[in-house]
């Protein structure tokens, strides 16, 4: 009887101990399960984010591929155009080089022309006396030599006939013109704005032309200048140097200019280009 009671008691104690161990394990399992659930949710979220980034990167790669293809097509087109234009570019470079040579040639010609004009001007100025220089003005403007003669010295009063005292001055000018055979000579008459009253002269146009013609004929007949080099022209009152409001101004405007320039055909020859070739 005692033995049975002892065995029963031992069984009860064993059962109680087994129950205590199972409860602790259950609690631990529950905690571990919670942790696993949290890790699962976090991993799932990370996977979703990774998938989204992968999709975005894939779209970017496709866009980059399209851009690269477009750039390649543009590059191929540019290379094709460049190959087609090689001949035109080479031709343009040749034209630029030729133009540069021509410009340098023009500069050389201008320098030579300026030097000749300065020599001509100096020779003419040295040949004139101090008294003559008071009534003769010599200038070089834009490569052209202008010799301006006062009408009071050159012509008889109210006339287009050459005065006697002008003869010596014209002789010196004629010698310079003769020495420089590569130059053409334009004689240009100018007047003030006072109307002319002589019966055989209609207006200042007539007077300016007649005076220029008188100088041309004197250079030809008296001083031996080749008439083929001479041109006579008149500008009347329409090319004044200053206002005609004063007597001094009118005196300046009444003048005859001897304009000495290189001959056109010889000037073009200096340039290495004939007139018909420039058309």
C-alpha atoms as a PDB file:
ATOM      1  CA  UNK A   1       0.000   0.000   0.000  1.00  0.00           C
ATOM      2  CA  UNK A   2       2.753   2.476   0.901  1.00  0.00           C
ATOM      3  CA  UNK A   3       4.576   1.507  -2.226  1.00  0.00           C
ATOM      4  CA  UNK A   4       1.633   2.381  -4.421  1.00  0.00           C
ATOM      5  CA  UNK A   5       1.208   5.716  -2.772  1.00  0.00           C
ATOM      6  CA  UNK A   6       4.901   6.547  -3.370  1.00  0.00           C
ATOM      7  CA  UNK A   7       4.721   5.677  -7.038  1.00  0.00           C
ATOM      8  CA  UNK A   8       1.669   7.843  -7.510  1.00  0.00           C
ATOM      9  CA  UNK A   9       3.379  10.769  -5.884  1.00  0.00           C
ATOM     10  CA  UNK A  10       6.430  10.328  -8.041  1.00  0.00           C
ATOM     11  CA  UNK A  11       4.302  10.347 -11.187  1.00  0.00           C
ATOM     12  CA  UNK A  12       2.544  13.543 -10.116  1.00  0.00           C
ATOM     13  CA  UNK A  13       5.879  15.309  -9.467  1.00  0.00           C
ATOM     14  CA  UNK A  14       7.230  14.123 -12.829  1.00  0.00           C
ATOM     15  CA  UNK A  15       4.163  15.386 -14.608  1.00  0.00           C
ATOM     16  CA  UNK A  16       4.441  18.743 -12.925  1.00  0.00           C
ATOM     17  CA  UNK A  17       8.069  19.076 -13.931  1.00  0.00           C
ATOM     18  CA  UNK A  18       7.266  18.158 -17.521  1.00  0.00           C
ATOM     19  CA  UNK A  19       4.542  20.792 -17.670  1.00  0.00           C
ATOM     20  CA  UNK A  20       6.930  23.481 -16.426  1.00  0.00           C
ATOM     21  CA  UNK A  21       9.525  22.710 -19.092  1.00  0.00           C
ATOM     22  CA  UNK A  22       6.974  22.715 -21.946  1.00  0.00           C
ATOM     23  CA  UNK A  23       5.612  26.135 -20.946  1.00  0.00           C
ATOM     24  CA  UNK A  24       9.077  27.745 -21.056  1.00  0.00           C
ATOM     25  CA  UNK A  25       9.797  26.258 -24.442  1.00  0.00           C
ATOM     26  CA  UNK A  26       6.459  27.499 -25.685  1.00  0.00           C
ATOM     27  CA  UNK A  27       7.192  31.026 -24.592  1.00  0.00           C
ATOM     28  CA  UNK A  28      10.632  30.867 -26.263  1.00  0.00           C
ATOM     29  CA  UNK A  29       9.124  29.516 -29.438  1.00  0.00           C
ATOM     30  CA  UNK A  30       6.560  32.287 -29.472  1.00  0.00           C
ATOM     31  CA  UNK A  31       9.275  34.956 -29.113  1.00  0.00           C
ATOM     32  CA  UNK A  32      11.353  33.355 -31.850  1.00  0.00           C
ATOM     33  CA  UNK A  33       8.272  33.213 -34.088  1.00  0.00           C
ATOM     34  CA  UNK A  34       7.660  36.937 -33.582  1.00  0.00           C
ATOM     35  CA  UNK A  35      11.274  37.686 -34.548  1.00  0.00           C
ATOM     36  CA  UNK A  36      11.013  35.524 -37.635  1.00  0.00           C
ATOM     37  CA  UNK A  37       7.785  37.277 -38.649  1.00  0.00           C
ATOM     38  CA  UNK A  38       9.453  40.690 -38.282  1.00  0.00           C
ATOM     39  CA  UNK A  39      12.456  39.542 -40.321  1.00  0.00           C
ATOM     40  CA  UNK A  40      10.138  38.180 -42.979  1.00  0.00           C
ATOM     41  CA  UNK A  41       8.226  41.443 -43.318  1.00  0.00           C
ATOM     42  CA  UNK A  42      11.467  43.436 -43.459  1.00  0.00           C
ATOM     43  CA  UNK A  43      12.963  41.099 -46.063  1.00  0.00           C
ATOM     44  CA  UNK A  44       9.805  41.295 -48.141  1.00  0.00           C
ATOM     45  CA  UNK A  45       9.929  45.084 -48.106  1.00  0.00           C
ATOM     46  CA  UNK A  46      13.607  45.072 -49.093  1.00  0.00           C
ATOM     47  CA  UNK A  47      12.853  42.697 -51.947  1.00  0.00           C
ATOM     48  CA  UNK A  48      10.056  44.960 -53.216  1.00  0.00           C
ATOM     49  CA  UNK A  49      12.387  47.997 -53.090  1.00  0.00           C
ATOM     50  CA  UNK A  50      15.093  46.038 -54.913  1.00  0.00           C
ATOM     51  CA  UNK A  51      12.626  45.005 -57.620  1.00  0.00           C
ATOM     52  CA  UNK A  52      11.529  48.656 -58.051  1.00  0.00           C
ATOM     53  CA  UNK A  53      15.164  49.785 -58.415  1.00  0.00           C
ATOM     54  CA  UNK A  54      15.823  47.008 -60.914  1.00  0.00           C
ATOM     55  CA  UNK A  55      12.806  48.099 -62.990  1.00  0.00           C
ATOM     56  CA  UNK A  56      13.982  51.724 -62.918  1.00  0.00           C
ATOM     57  CA  UNK A  57      17.503  50.763 -63.918  1.00  0.00           C
ATOM     58  CA  UNK A  58      16.157  48.648 -66.746  1.00  0.00           C
ATOM     59  CA  UNK A  59      14.128  51.599 -68.062  1.00  0.00           C
ATOM     60  CA  UNK A  60      17.187  53.871 -67.798  1.00  0.00           C
ATOM     61  CA  UNK A  61      19.274  51.351 -69.706  1.00  0.00           C
ATOM     62  CA  UNK A  62      16.677  51.184 -72.474  1.00  0.00           C
ATOM     63  CA  UNK A  63      16.579  55.012 -72.682  1.00  0.00           C
ATOM     64  CA  UNK A  64      20.368  55.154 -72.748  1.00  0.00           C
ATOM     65  CA  UNK A  65      20.412  52.569 -75.516  1.00  0.00           C
ATOM     66  CA  UNK A  66      17.962  54.677 -77.560  1.00  0.00           C
ATOM     67  CA  UNK A  67      20.044  57.815 -76.980  1.00  0.00           C
ATOM     68  CA  UNK A  68      23.226  55.997 -77.963  1.00  0.00           C
ATOM     69  CA  UNK A  69      21.606  54.727 -81.145  1.00  0.00           C
ATOM     70  CA  UNK A  70      20.393  58.249 -82.046  1.00  0.00           C
ATOM     71  CA  UNK A  71      23.853  59.689 -81.359  1.00  0.00           C
ATOM     72  CA  UNK A  72      25.437  57.022 -83.542  1.00  0.00           C
ATOM     73  CA  UNK A  73      23.043  57.834 -86.395  1.00  0.00           C
ATOM     74  CA  UNK A  74      23.840  61.541 -86.044  1.00  0.00           C
ATOM     75  CA  UNK A  75      27.568  60.809 -86.006  1.00  0.00           C
ATOM     76  CA  UNK A  76      27.286  58.592 -89.073  1.00  0.00           C
ATOM     77  CA  UNK A  77      25.365  61.343 -90.890  1.00  0.00           C
ATOM     78  CA  UNK A  78      27.954  63.972 -89.912  1.00  0.00           C
ATOM     79  CA  UNK A  79      30.798  61.769 -91.099  1.00  0.00           C
ATOM     80  CA  UNK A  80      28.989  61.182 -94.385  1.00  0.00           C
ATOM     81  CA  UNK A  81      28.437  64.927 -94.876  1.00  0.00           C
ATOM     82  CA  UNK A  82      32.049  65.648 -93.951  1.00  0.00           C
ATOM     83  CA  UNK A  83      33.266  63.148 -96.521  1.00  0.00           C
ATOM     84  CA  UNK A  84      30.997  64.667 -99.146  1.00  0.00           C
ATOM     85  CA  UNK A  85      32.199  68.189 -98.296  1.00  0.00           C
ATOM     86  CA  UNK A  86      35.909  67.416 -98.272  1.00  0.00           C
ATOM     87  CA  UNK A  87      36.288  68.588-101.861  1.00  0.00           C
ATOM     88  CA  UNK A  88      34.390  71.831-101.179  1.00  0.00           C
ATOM     89  CA  UNK A  89      36.433  72.522 -98.043  1.00  0.00           C
ATOM     90  CA  UNK A  90      39.709  71.970 -99.897  1.00  0.00           C
ATOM     91  CA  UNK A  91      38.519  74.296-102.662  1.00  0.00           C
ATOM     92  CA  UNK A  92      37.547  76.951-100.117  1.00  0.00           C
ATOM     93  CA  UNK A  93      40.962  76.730 -98.459  1.00  0.00           C
ATOM     94  CA  UNK A  94      42.630  77.179-101.865  1.00  0.00           C
ATOM     95  CA  UNK A  95      40.449  80.236-102.559  1.00  0.00           C
ATOM     96  CA  UNK A  96      41.351  81.744 -99.189  1.00  0.00           C
ATOM     97  CA  UNK A  97      45.049  81.212 -99.872  1.00  0.00           C
ATOM     98  CA  UNK A  98      44.727  82.835-103.300  1.00  0.00           C
ATOM     99  CA  UNK A  99      42.835  85.769-101.774  1.00  0.00           C
ATOM    100  CA  UNK A 100      45.573  86.260 -99.186  1.00  0.00           C
ATOM    101  CA  UNK A 101      48.192  86.308-101.958  1.00  0.00           C
ATOM    102  CA  UNK A 102      46.144  88.866-103.900  1.00  0.00           C
ATOM    103  CA  UNK A 103      45.730  91.068-100.814  1.00  0.00           C
ATOM    104  CA  UNK A 104      49.482  90.994-100.180  1.00  0.00           C
ATOM    105  CA  UNK A 105      50.017  91.912-103.829  1.00  0.00           C
ATOM    106  CA  UNK A 106      47.623  94.844-103.520  1.00  0.00           C
ATOM    107  CA  UNK A 107      49.464  96.054-100.436  1.00  0.00           C
ATOM    108  CA  UNK A 108      52.767  95.897-102.314  1.00  0.00           C
ATOM    109  CA  UNK A 109      51.285  97.781-105.285  1.00  0.00           C
ATOM    110  CA  UNK A 110      49.799 100.446-103.022  1.00  0.00           C
ATOM    111  CA  UNK A 111      53.118 100.881-101.241  1.00  0.00           C
ATOM    112  CA  UNK A 112      54.900 101.315-104.576  1.00  0.00           C
ATOM    113  CA  UNK A 113      52.213 103.733-105.789  1.00  0.00           C
ATOM    114  CA  UNK A 114      52.410 105.777-102.577  1.00  0.00           C
ATOM    115  CA  UNK A 115      56.193 105.938-102.862  1.00  0.00           C
ATOM    116  CA  UNK A 116      55.996 107.128-106.486  1.00  0.00           C
ATOM    117  CA  UNK A 117      53.412 109.748-105.577  1.00  0.00           C
ATOM    118  CA  UNK A 118      55.543 111.082-102.746  1.00  0.00           C
ATOM    119  CA  UNK A 119      58.570 111.323-105.065  1.00  0.00           C
ATOM    120  CA  UNK A 120      56.448 113.082-107.685  1.00  0.00           C
ATOM    121  CA  UNK A 121      55.082 115.505-105.089  1.00  0.00           C
ATOM    122  CA  UNK A 122      58.508 116.265-103.653  1.00  0.00           C
ATOM    123  CA  UNK A 123      60.004 116.856-107.109  1.00  0.00           C
ATOM    124  CA  UNK A 124      57.147 119.167-108.046  1.00  0.00           C
ATOM    125  CA  UNK A 125      57.302 121.113-104.782  1.00  0.00           C
ATOM    126  CA  UNK A 126      61.076 121.566-105.038  1.00  0.00           C
ATOM    127  CA  UNK A 127      60.765 122.865-108.589  1.00  0.00           C
ATOM    128  CA  UNK A 128      58.385 125.673-107.589  1.00  0.00           C
ATOM    129  CA  UNK A 129      59.589 128.952-106.118  1.00  0.00           C
ATOM    130  CA  UNK A 130      58.352 130.325-102.817  1.00  0.00           C
ATOM    131  CA  UNK A 131      56.205 132.846-104.659  1.00  0.00           C
ATOM    132  CA  UNK A 132      54.691 130.134-106.823  1.00  0.00           C
ATOM    133  CA  UNK A 133      53.943 127.950-103.802  1.00  0.00           C
ATOM    134  CA  UNK A 134      51.753 130.754-102.454  1.00  0.00           C
ATOM    135  CA  UNK A 135      49.375 130.202-105.376  1.00  0.00           C
ATOM    136  CA  UNK A 136      49.930 126.484-105.998  1.00  0.00           C
ATOM    137  CA  UNK A 137      48.828 123.821-103.539  1.00  0.00           C
ATOM    138  CA  UNK A 138      50.173 120.257-103.914  1.00  0.00           C
ATOM    139  CA  UNK A 139      48.565 117.375-101.994  1.00  0.00           C
ATOM    140  CA  UNK A 140      48.373 113.577-102.095  1.00  0.00           C
ATOM    141  CA  UNK A 141      44.936 112.216-101.220  1.00  0.00           C
ATOM    142  CA  UNK A 142      44.144 108.481-101.394  1.00  0.00           C
ATOM    143  CA  UNK A 143      47.032 107.795-103.739  1.00  0.00           C
ATOM    144  CA  UNK A 144      46.207 110.675-106.115  1.00  0.00           C
ATOM    145  CA  UNK A 145      48.295 113.839-106.587  1.00  0.00           C
ATOM    146  CA  UNK A 146      46.278 117.095-106.649  1.00  0.00           C
ATOM    147  CA  UNK A 147      47.883 120.288-107.923  1.00  0.00           C
ATOM    148  CA  UNK A 148      45.512 123.193-107.267  1.00  0.00           C
ATOM    149  CA  UNK A 149      46.196 126.447-109.149  1.00  0.00           C
ATOM    150  CA  UNK A 150      44.734 129.805-108.120  1.00  0.00           C
ATOM    151  CA  UNK A 151      42.650 131.372-110.893  1.00  0.00           C
ATOM    152  CA  UNK A 152      44.077 134.839-110.199  1.00  0.00           C
ATOM    153  CA  UNK A 153      47.510 133.524-111.139  1.00  0.00           C
ATOM    154  CA  UNK A 154      46.425 131.234-113.959  1.00  0.00           C
ATOM    155  CA  UNK A 155      43.976 133.282-116.045  1.00  0.00           C
ATOM    156  CA  UNK A 156      43.496 136.803-117.185  1.00  0.00           C
ATOM    157  CA  UNK A 157      40.831 138.666-115.212  1.00  0.00           C
ATOM    158  CA  UNK A 158      37.305 137.501-116.132  1.00  0.00           C
ATOM    159  CA  UNK A 159      38.688 135.249-118.871  1.00  0.00           C
ATOM    160  CA  UNK A 160      39.631 131.659-119.634  1.00  0.00           C
ATOM    161  CA  UNK A 161      42.839 132.676-121.428  1.00  0.00           C
ATOM    162  CA  UNK A 162      46.134 131.692-119.743  1.00  0.00           C
ATOM    163  CA  UNK A 163      48.020 134.652-118.261  1.00  0.00           C
ATOM    164  CA  UNK A 164      51.671 135.295-119.103  1.00  0.00           C
ATOM    165  CA  UNK A 165      52.877 134.890-115.514  1.00  0.00           C
ATOM    166  CA  UNK A 166      51.316 131.412-115.358  1.00  0.00           C
ATOM    167  CA  UNK A 167      53.565 130.173-118.172  1.00  0.00           C
ATOM    168  CA  UNK A 168      56.639 129.475-116.043  1.00  0.00           C
ATOM    169  CA  UNK A 169      54.602 127.584-113.436  1.00  0.00           C
ATOM    170  CA  UNK A 170      52.845 125.476-116.080  1.00  0.00           C
ATOM    171  CA  UNK A 171      56.209 124.686-117.670  1.00  0.00           C
ATOM    172  CA  UNK A 172      57.497 123.233-114.382  1.00  0.00           C
ATOM    173  CA  UNK A 173      54.317 121.207-113.908  1.00  0.00           C
ATOM    174  CA  UNK A 174      54.503 119.979-117.518  1.00  0.00           C
ATOM    175  CA  UNK A 175      58.069 118.752-116.964  1.00  0.00           C
ATOM    176  CA  UNK A 176      56.975 116.677-113.960  1.00  0.00           C
ATOM    177  CA  UNK A 177      54.037 115.276-115.952  1.00  0.00           C
ATOM    178  CA  UNK A 178      56.363 114.382-118.821  1.00  0.00           C
ATOM    179  CA  UNK A 179      58.844 112.682-116.496  1.00  0.00           C
ATOM    180  CA  UNK A 180      56.121 110.456-115.028  1.00  0.00           C
ATOM    181  CA  UNK A 181      54.810 108.834-118.187  1.00  0.00           C
ATOM    182  CA  UNK A 182      52.844 106.137-116.353  1.00  0.00           C
ATOM    183  CA  UNK A 183      50.345 108.695-115.045  1.00  0.00           C
ATOM    184  CA  UNK A 184      47.209 110.158-116.589  1.00  0.00           C
ATOM    185  CA  UNK A 185      46.311 113.806-116.072  1.00  0.00           C
ATOM    186  CA  UNK A 186      42.849 115.286-115.505  1.00  0.00           C
ATOM    187  CA  UNK A 187      42.482 119.068-115.674  1.00  0.00           C
ATOM    188  CA  UNK A 188      39.398 120.107-113.685  1.00  0.00           C
ATOM    189  CA  UNK A 189      37.971 123.635-113.660  1.00  0.00           C
ATOM    190  CA  UNK A 190      35.999 125.027-110.690  1.00  0.00           C
ATOM    191  CA  UNK A 191      34.241 128.363-110.140  1.00  0.00           C
ATOM    192  CA  UNK A 192      32.481 130.277-107.390  1.00  0.00           C
ATOM    193  CA  UNK A 193      28.702 130.754-107.449  1.00  0.00           C
ATOM    194  CA  UNK A 194      28.663 134.217-109.008  1.00  0.00           C
ATOM    195  CA  UNK A 195      26.775 134.041-112.340  1.00  0.00           C
ATOM    196  CA  UNK A 196      28.851 134.776-115.435  1.00  0.00           C
ATOM    197  CA  UNK A 197      27.725 137.766-117.548  1.00  0.00           C
ATOM    198  CA  UNK A 198      29.740 137.384-120.756  1.00  0.00           C
ATOM    199  CA  UNK A 199      27.839 136.858-124.007  1.00  0.00           C
ATOM    200  CA  UNK A 200      29.899 133.908-125.264  1.00  0.00           C
ATOM    201  CA  UNK A 201      29.789 132.045-121.935  1.00  0.00           C
ATOM    202  CA  UNK A 202      26.380 130.779-120.857  1.00  0.00           C
ATOM    203  CA  UNK A 203      27.108 129.916-117.211  1.00  0.00           C
ATOM    204  CA  UNK A 204      29.740 128.684-114.766  1.00  0.00           C
ATOM    205  CA  UNK A 205      29.665 125.224-116.357  1.00  0.00           C
ATOM    206  CA  UNK A 206      30.933 126.764-119.577  1.00  0.00           C
ATOM    207  CA  UNK A 207      33.550 128.861-117.774  1.00  0.00           C
ATOM    208  CA  UNK A 208      34.956 125.905-115.778  1.00  0.00           C
ATOM    209  CA  UNK A 209      35.170 123.708-118.886  1.00  0.00           C
ATOM    210  CA  UNK A 210      36.746 126.436-121.008  1.00  0.00           C
ATOM    211  CA  UNK A 211      39.397 127.135-118.392  1.00  0.00           C
ATOM    212  CA  UNK A 212      40.244 123.434-118.084  1.00  0.00           C
ATOM    213  CA  UNK A 213      40.441 123.182-121.867  1.00  0.00           C
ATOM    214  CA  UNK A 214      42.800 126.159-122.006  1.00  0.00           C
ATOM    215  CA  UNK A 215      45.216 124.473-119.590  1.00  0.00           C
ATOM    216  CA  UNK A 216      45.061 121.185-121.516  1.00  0.00           C
ATOM    217  CA  UNK A 217      45.850 122.899-124.804  1.00  0.00           C
ATOM    218  CA  UNK A 218      48.702 124.893-123.238  1.00  0.00           C
ATOM    219  CA  UNK A 219      50.258 121.697-121.834  1.00  0.00           C
ATOM    220  CA  UNK A 220      49.951 120.045-125.235  1.00  0.00           C
ATOM    221  CA  UNK A 221      50.983 122.831-127.617  1.00  0.00           C
ATOM    222  CA  UNK A 222      53.462 124.829-125.549  1.00  0.00           C
ATOM    223  CA  UNK A 223      55.015 122.214-123.257  1.00  0.00           C
ATOM    224  CA  UNK A 224      54.860 119.005-125.270  1.00  0.00           C
ATOM    225  CA  UNK A 225      52.676 116.841-123.005  1.00  0.00           C
ATOM    226  CA  UNK A 226      51.171 113.876-124.884  1.00  0.00           C
ATOM    227  CA  UNK A 227      47.478 114.786-125.430  1.00  0.00           C
ATOM    228  CA  UNK A 228      46.505 111.125-125.043  1.00  0.00           C
ATOM    229  CA  UNK A 229      47.336 111.468-121.380  1.00  0.00           C
ATOM    230  CA  UNK A 230      45.209 114.585-120.880  1.00  0.00           C
ATOM    231  CA  UNK A 231      41.513 115.000-120.040  1.00  0.00           C
ATOM    232  CA  UNK A 232      39.675 118.312-119.598  1.00  0.00           C
ATOM    233  CA  UNK A 233      36.593 118.652-117.386  1.00  0.00           C
ATOM    234  CA  UNK A 234      34.575 121.301-115.580  1.00  0.00           C
ATOM    235  CA  UNK A 235      32.554 121.138-112.376  1.00  0.00           C
ATOM    236  CA  UNK A 236      31.214 124.663-112.360  1.00  0.00           C
ATOM    237  CA  UNK A 237      30.279 125.965-108.923  1.00  0.00           C
ATOM    238  CA  UNK A 238      29.265 122.540-107.586  1.00  0.00           C
ATOM    239  CA  UNK A 239      32.532 121.380-106.030  1.00  0.00           C
ATOM    240  CA  UNK A 240      33.393 124.185-103.585  1.00  0.00           C
ATOM    241  CA  UNK A 241      36.170 123.919-101.013  1.00  0.00           C
ATOM    242  CA  UNK A 242      34.447 126.348 -98.677  1.00  0.00           C
ATOM    243  CA  UNK A 243      31.474 128.706 -98.425  1.00  0.00           C
ATOM    244  CA  UNK A 244      30.974 131.374-101.092  1.00  0.00           C
ATOM    245  CA  UNK A 245      29.671 133.798 -98.457  1.00  0.00           C
ATOM    246  CA  UNK A 246      32.950 135.770 -98.364  1.00  0.00           C
ATOM    247  CA  UNK A 247      35.367 137.067-100.973  1.00  0.00           C
ATOM    248  CA  UNK A 248      38.123 134.882 -99.519  1.00  0.00           C
ATOM    249  CA  UNK A 249      35.876 131.819 -99.834  1.00  0.00           C
ATOM    250  CA  UNK A 250      35.020 132.638-103.435  1.00  0.00           C
ATOM    251  CA  UNK A 251      38.705 133.079-104.220  1.00  0.00           C
ATOM    252  CA  UNK A 252      39.480 129.597-102.859  1.00  0.00           C
ATOM    253  CA  UNK A 253      36.660 128.021-104.840  1.00  0.00           C
ATOM    254  CA  UNK A 254      37.833 129.599-108.113  1.00  0.00           C
ATOM    255  CA  UNK A 255      40.592 127.154-108.933  1.00  0.00           C
ATOM    256  CA  UNK A 256      41.857 124.712-111.522  1.00  0.00           C
ATOM    257  CA  UNK A 257      43.089 121.332-110.367  1.00  0.00           C
ATOM    258  CA  UNK A 258      45.621 119.178-112.158  1.00  0.00           C
ATOM    259  CA  UNK A 259      44.904 115.648-110.941  1.00  0.00           C
ATOM    260  CA  UNK A 260      47.691 113.135-111.607  1.00  0.00           C
ATOM    261  CA  UNK A 261      46.791 109.423-111.317  1.00  0.00           C
ATOM    262  CA  UNK A 262      48.242 106.103-112.540  1.00  0.00           C
ATOM    263  CA  UNK A 263      46.872 105.085-115.945  1.00  0.00           C
ATOM    264  CA  UNK A 264      44.003 102.628-115.513  1.00  0.00           C
ATOM    265  CA  UNK A 265      45.339  99.952-117.864  1.00  0.00           C
ATOM    266  CA  UNK A 266      48.835 100.111-116.385  1.00  0.00           C
ATOM    267  CA  UNK A 267      47.431 100.118-112.866  1.00  0.00           C
ATOM    268  CA  UNK A 268      45.450  96.955-113.658  1.00  0.00           C
ATOM    269  CA  UNK A 269      48.591  95.456-115.154  1.00  0.00           C
ATOM    270  CA  UNK A 270      50.392  96.165-111.896  1.00  0.00           C
ATOM    271  CA  UNK A 271      47.642  94.257-110.131  1.00  0.00           C
ATOM    272  CA  UNK A 272      48.130  91.340-112.513  1.00  0.00           C
ATOM    273  CA  UNK A 273      44.543  91.485-113.678  1.00  0.00           C
ATOM    274  CA  UNK A 274      43.230  92.893-116.949  1.00  0.00           C
ATOM    275  CA  UNK A 275      39.887  94.780-116.864  1.00  0.00           C
ATOM    276  CA  UNK A 276      38.025  92.180-118.963  1.00  0.00           C
ATOM    277  CA  UNK A 277      39.116  89.414-116.575  1.00  0.00           C
ATOM    278  CA  UNK A 278      37.437  91.098-113.605  1.00  0.00           C
ATOM    279  CA  UNK A 279      33.956  90.854-115.090  1.00  0.00           C
END
